[in-house]
Structure formats: C-alpha cells, structure tokens
Amino acid sequence: MLAGLGRSEVSEAPGLFERVMWMSWGLDFVVPADHRAARWAMAYWLAAQVADGSLDPAVGAYRIWRDVAWNLGAPSAASRG
C-alpha cells in the first residue's frame, strides 16, 4: 500500500508508514480514542496473548489487573471486605 501511493496521496504516507511498522512488529492494533474503550481493547489483546500461549497466564492476569482494571477504577481486594 505504501509503495503504491500516487503523487496526490503523499499526505497519507506518514500514517501508512506507521501502520506498516506496527504490522511488521505484529502489532496491527488501532487504539480507540476513548480512554475506557482503549483499556478494554488492551484487556482483550492481553487475553488473546494468554489464549494463544504467547503470554504466561499469571503475567497476563496481573497486567490486566494492573494496566486495565486499576485504571478503570476497579475496587481493590482490600475494599471488597
């Protein structure tokens, strides 16, 4: 896609370049603009890594708790009483 841009499409090159880079790293992931939606997307991404075996389940669960649930205001274990 990037190599096939015409002269009138040059303004699209930076965005396409960034997308190509993310895809080459295996991270073809568009982060939603909404904070809550972005955190949920991250949770699904981490869960998919656990499911496909590329992320240890304990590490995945911890990262979902630390990077997603905590930032979404989930109650702590101590406050559940």
N, C-alpha and C. Protein backbone atom coordinates (compact mmCIF):
# COMPACT_ATOMS: atom_id res chain seq x y z
N MET A 1 0.83 -1.20 0.00
CA MET A 1 0.00 0.00 0.00
C MET A 1 0.87 1.25 0.00
N LEU A 2 1.85 1.25 0.85
CA LEU A 2 2.71 2.44 0.97
C LEU A 2 3.48 2.70 -0.32
N ALA A 3 4.02 1.65 -0.91
CA ALA A 3 4.81 1.82 -2.13
C ALA A 3 3.95 2.21 -3.32
N GLY A 4 2.66 1.93 -3.26
CA GLY A 4 1.78 2.22 -4.38
C GLY A 4 1.10 3.58 -4.34
N LEU A 5 1.48 4.43 -3.41
CA LEU A 5 0.86 5.75 -3.31
C LEU A 5 1.21 6.61 -4.53
N GLY A 6 0.21 7.32 -5.02
CA GLY A 6 0.44 8.26 -6.11
C GLY A 6 0.84 9.62 -5.56
N ARG A 7 1.20 10.52 -6.46
CA ARG A 7 1.62 11.86 -6.03
C ARG A 7 0.53 12.57 -5.24
N SER A 8 -0.71 12.38 -5.62
CA SER A 8 -1.81 13.07 -4.93
C SER A 8 -2.10 12.46 -3.56
N GLU A 9 -1.49 11.32 -3.24
CA GLU A 9 -1.74 10.64 -1.96
C GLU A 9 -0.56 10.73 -1.00
N VAL A 10 0.41 11.55 -1.30
CA VAL A 10 1.62 11.66 -0.48
C VAL A 10 1.29 12.01 0.97
N SER A 11 0.26 12.79 1.18
CA SER A 11 -0.10 13.19 2.55
C SER A 11 -0.50 11.99 3.41
N GLU A 12 -0.85 10.87 2.79
CA GLU A 12 -1.24 9.67 3.53
C GLU A 12 -0.03 8.83 3.94
N ALA A 13 1.14 9.13 3.41
CA ALA A 13 2.34 8.32 3.65
C ALA A 13 2.71 8.18 5.12
N PRO A 14 2.74 9.26 5.94
CA PRO A 14 3.15 9.08 7.33
C PRO A 14 2.25 8.09 8.10
N GLY A 15 0.95 8.20 7.91
CA GLY A 15 0.03 7.29 8.59
C GLY A 15 0.19 5.86 8.14
N LEU A 16 0.35 5.68 6.84
CA LEU A 16 0.56 4.33 6.31
C LEU A 16 1.89 3.76 6.77
N PHE A 17 2.92 4.59 6.80
CA PHE A 17 4.23 4.12 7.27
C PHE A 17 4.13 3.62 8.70
N GLU A 18 3.46 4.39 9.55
CA GLU A 18 3.30 3.97 10.95
C GLU A 18 2.55 2.65 11.03
N ARG A 19 1.50 2.52 10.25
CA ARG A 19 0.72 1.27 10.27
C ARG A 19 1.56 0.09 9.79
N VAL A 20 2.35 0.29 8.74
CA VAL A 20 3.23 -0.77 8.24
C VAL A 20 4.22 -1.19 9.32
N MET A 21 4.77 -0.22 10.03
CA MET A 21 5.72 -0.54 11.10
C MET A 21 5.06 -1.38 12.19
N TRP A 22 3.87 -0.95 12.62
CA TRP A 22 3.15 -1.72 13.65
C TRP A 22 2.84 -3.13 13.17
N MET A 23 2.41 -3.24 11.92
CA MET A 23 2.09 -4.56 11.37
C MET A 23 3.33 -5.44 11.29
N SER A 24 4.47 -4.87 10.93
CA SER A 24 5.71 -5.66 10.82
C SER A 24 6.15 -6.18 12.18
N TRP A 25 5.75 -5.48 13.24
CA TRP A 25 6.07 -5.93 14.60
C TRP A 25 4.99 -6.84 15.16
N GLY A 26 3.97 -7.15 14.36
CA GLY A 26 2.87 -7.99 14.82
C GLY A 26 1.91 -7.25 15.72
N LEU A 27 1.87 -5.94 15.62
CA LEU A 27 1.02 -5.13 16.49
C LEU A 27 0.00 -4.32 15.69
N ASP A 28 -0.69 -4.97 14.78
CA ASP A 28 -1.69 -4.28 13.97
C ASP A 28 -2.90 -4.02 14.86
N PHE A 29 -2.83 -2.95 15.60
CA PHE A 29 -3.81 -2.66 16.64
C PHE A 29 -4.08 -1.17 16.63
N VAL A 30 -5.33 -0.82 16.46
CA VAL A 30 -5.71 0.59 16.46
C VAL A 30 -6.27 0.91 17.85
N VAL A 31 -5.64 1.83 18.52
CA VAL A 31 -6.06 2.20 19.87
C VAL A 31 -7.26 3.14 19.78
N PRO A 32 -8.38 2.76 20.41
CA PRO A 32 -9.54 3.66 20.40
C PRO A 32 -9.23 4.98 21.09
N ALA A 33 -9.86 6.04 20.66
CA ALA A 33 -9.62 7.36 21.23
C ALA A 33 -10.19 7.47 22.65
N ASP A 34 -11.29 6.80 22.91
CA ASP A 34 -11.93 6.84 24.22
C ASP A 34 -11.08 6.05 25.23
N HIS A 35 -10.80 6.64 26.39
CA HIS A 35 -9.95 6.03 27.41
C HIS A 35 -10.47 4.66 27.84
N ARG A 36 -11.75 4.58 28.16
CA ARG A 36 -12.31 3.30 28.63
C ARG A 36 -12.25 2.24 27.53
N ALA A 37 -12.59 2.63 26.32
CA ALA A 37 -12.55 1.68 25.21
C ALA A 37 -11.12 1.21 24.95
N ALA A 38 -10.15 2.11 25.10
CA ALA A 38 -8.75 1.74 24.90
C ALA A 38 -8.31 0.73 25.95
N ARG A 39 -8.72 0.93 27.19
CA ARG A 39 -8.35 -0.02 28.26
C ARG A 39 -8.98 -1.38 28.01
N TRP A 40 -10.25 -1.39 27.59
CA TRP A 40 -10.91 -2.67 27.29
C TRP A 40 -10.23 -3.36 26.11
N ALA A 41 -9.84 -2.60 25.10
CA ALA A 41 -9.13 -3.18 23.96
C ALA A 41 -7.81 -3.81 24.42
N MET A 42 -7.15 -3.15 25.35
CA MET A 42 -5.90 -3.69 25.88
C MET A 42 -6.16 -5.00 26.62
N ALA A 43 -7.24 -5.07 27.39
CA ALA A 43 -7.58 -6.29 28.12
C ALA A 43 -7.82 -7.44 27.14
N TYR A 44 -8.56 -7.17 26.07
CA TYR A 44 -8.81 -8.21 25.07
C TYR A 44 -7.52 -8.65 24.38
N TRP A 45 -6.64 -7.69 24.10
CA TRP A 45 -5.35 -8.01 23.47
C TRP A 45 -4.50 -8.89 24.37
N LEU A 46 -4.43 -8.54 25.65
CA LEU A 46 -3.66 -9.35 26.60
C LEU A 46 -4.28 -10.74 26.76
N ALA A 47 -5.61 -10.80 26.84
CA ALA A 47 -6.29 -12.10 26.97
C ALA A 47 -6.03 -12.98 25.75
N ALA A 48 -5.99 -12.38 24.57
CA ALA A 48 -5.70 -13.16 23.35
C ALA A 48 -4.29 -13.73 23.40
N GLN A 49 -3.36 -12.97 23.94
CA GLN A 49 -1.98 -13.46 24.06
C GLN A 49 -1.91 -14.63 25.03
N VAL A 50 -2.67 -14.55 26.13
CA VAL A 50 -2.73 -15.67 27.08
C VAL A 50 -3.33 -16.88 26.37
N ALA A 51 -4.41 -16.67 25.64
CA ALA A 51 -5.10 -17.78 24.96
C ALA A 51 -4.23 -18.46 23.91
N ASP A 52 -3.40 -17.67 23.20
CA ASP A 52 -2.57 -18.30 22.15
C ASP A 52 -1.23 -18.80 22.69
N GLY A 53 -1.01 -18.63 23.99
CA GLY A 53 0.19 -19.16 24.62
C GLY A 53 1.42 -18.28 24.54
N SER A 54 1.30 -17.08 23.99
CA SER A 54 2.46 -16.21 23.87
C SER A 54 2.71 -15.37 25.12
N LEU A 55 1.79 -15.42 26.08
CA LEU A 55 1.94 -14.69 27.34
C LEU A 55 1.56 -15.61 28.48
N ASP A 56 2.41 -15.68 29.48
CA ASP A 56 2.14 -16.51 30.65
C ASP A 56 0.83 -16.07 31.30
N PRO A 57 -0.05 -17.01 31.66
CA PRO A 57 -1.35 -16.64 32.25
C PRO A 57 -1.26 -15.77 33.50
N ALA A 58 -0.29 -16.05 34.37
CA ALA A 58 -0.15 -15.24 35.58
C ALA A 58 0.27 -13.82 35.25
N VAL A 59 1.17 -13.68 34.30
CA VAL A 59 1.63 -12.36 33.87
C VAL A 59 0.48 -11.62 33.20
N GLY A 60 -0.27 -12.33 32.33
CA GLY A 60 -1.42 -11.72 31.65
C GLY A 60 -2.47 -11.23 32.63
N ALA A 61 -2.80 -12.07 33.61
CA ALA A 61 -3.80 -11.68 34.60
C ALA A 61 -3.33 -10.47 35.40
N TYR A 62 -2.06 -10.47 35.79
CA TYR A 62 -1.52 -9.33 36.54
C TYR A 62 -1.57 -8.05 35.70
N ARG A 63 -1.18 -8.16 34.43
CA ARG A 63 -1.18 -6.96 33.57
C ARG A 63 -2.60 -6.46 33.32
N ILE A 64 -3.56 -7.37 33.17
CA ILE A 64 -4.95 -6.94 33.01
C ILE A 64 -5.41 -6.21 34.27
N TRP A 65 -5.05 -6.74 35.43
CA TRP A 65 -5.44 -6.08 36.69
C TRP A 65 -4.73 -4.73 36.82
N ARG A 66 -3.39 -4.73 36.59
CA ARG A 66 -2.60 -3.51 36.80
C ARG A 66 -2.87 -2.45 35.74
N ASP A 67 -2.91 -2.84 34.47
CA ASP A 67 -2.99 -1.87 33.38
C ASP A 67 -4.41 -1.55 32.93
N VAL A 68 -5.36 -2.40 33.29
CA VAL A 68 -6.72 -2.19 32.83
C VAL A 68 -7.67 -1.94 33.99
N ALA A 69 -7.86 -2.95 34.83
CA ALA A 69 -8.85 -2.84 35.90
C ALA A 69 -8.54 -1.68 36.85
N TRP A 70 -7.29 -1.55 37.23
CA TRP A 70 -6.91 -0.48 38.15
C TRP A 70 -7.23 0.89 37.55
N ASN A 71 -6.91 1.07 36.28
CA ASN A 71 -7.15 2.35 35.62
C ASN A 71 -8.63 2.62 35.33
N LEU A 72 -9.44 1.56 35.36
CA LEU A 72 -10.88 1.75 35.17
C LEU A 72 -11.61 1.92 36.49
N GLY A 73 -10.86 1.95 37.58
CA GLY A 73 -11.46 2.21 38.88
C GLY A 73 -12.01 0.98 39.56
N ALA A 74 -11.50 -0.20 39.21
CA ALA A 74 -11.96 -1.42 39.86
C ALA A 74 -11.58 -1.37 41.33
N PRO A 75 -12.46 -1.84 42.19
CA PRO A 75 -12.14 -1.82 43.63
C PRO A 75 -10.98 -2.75 43.94
N SER A 76 -10.21 -2.38 44.93
CA SER A 76 -9.09 -3.21 45.34
C SER A 76 -9.61 -4.38 46.15
N ALA A 77 -8.78 -5.41 46.31
CA ALA A 77 -9.17 -6.60 47.07
C ALA A 77 -9.47 -6.22 48.52
N ALA A 78 -8.72 -5.26 49.07
CA ALA A 78 -8.92 -4.85 50.46
C ALA A 78 -10.27 -4.18 50.67
N SER A 79 -10.77 -3.47 49.68
CA SER A 79 -12.03 -2.75 49.86
C SER A 79 -13.25 -3.63 49.65
N ARG A 80 -13.03 -4.88 49.20
CA ARG A 80 -14.17 -5.78 48.99
C ARG A 80 -14.64 -6.41 50.28
N GLY A 81 -13.83 -6.27 51.30
CA GLY A 81 -14.14 -6.63 52.63
C GLY A 81 -14.56 -7.93 52.99
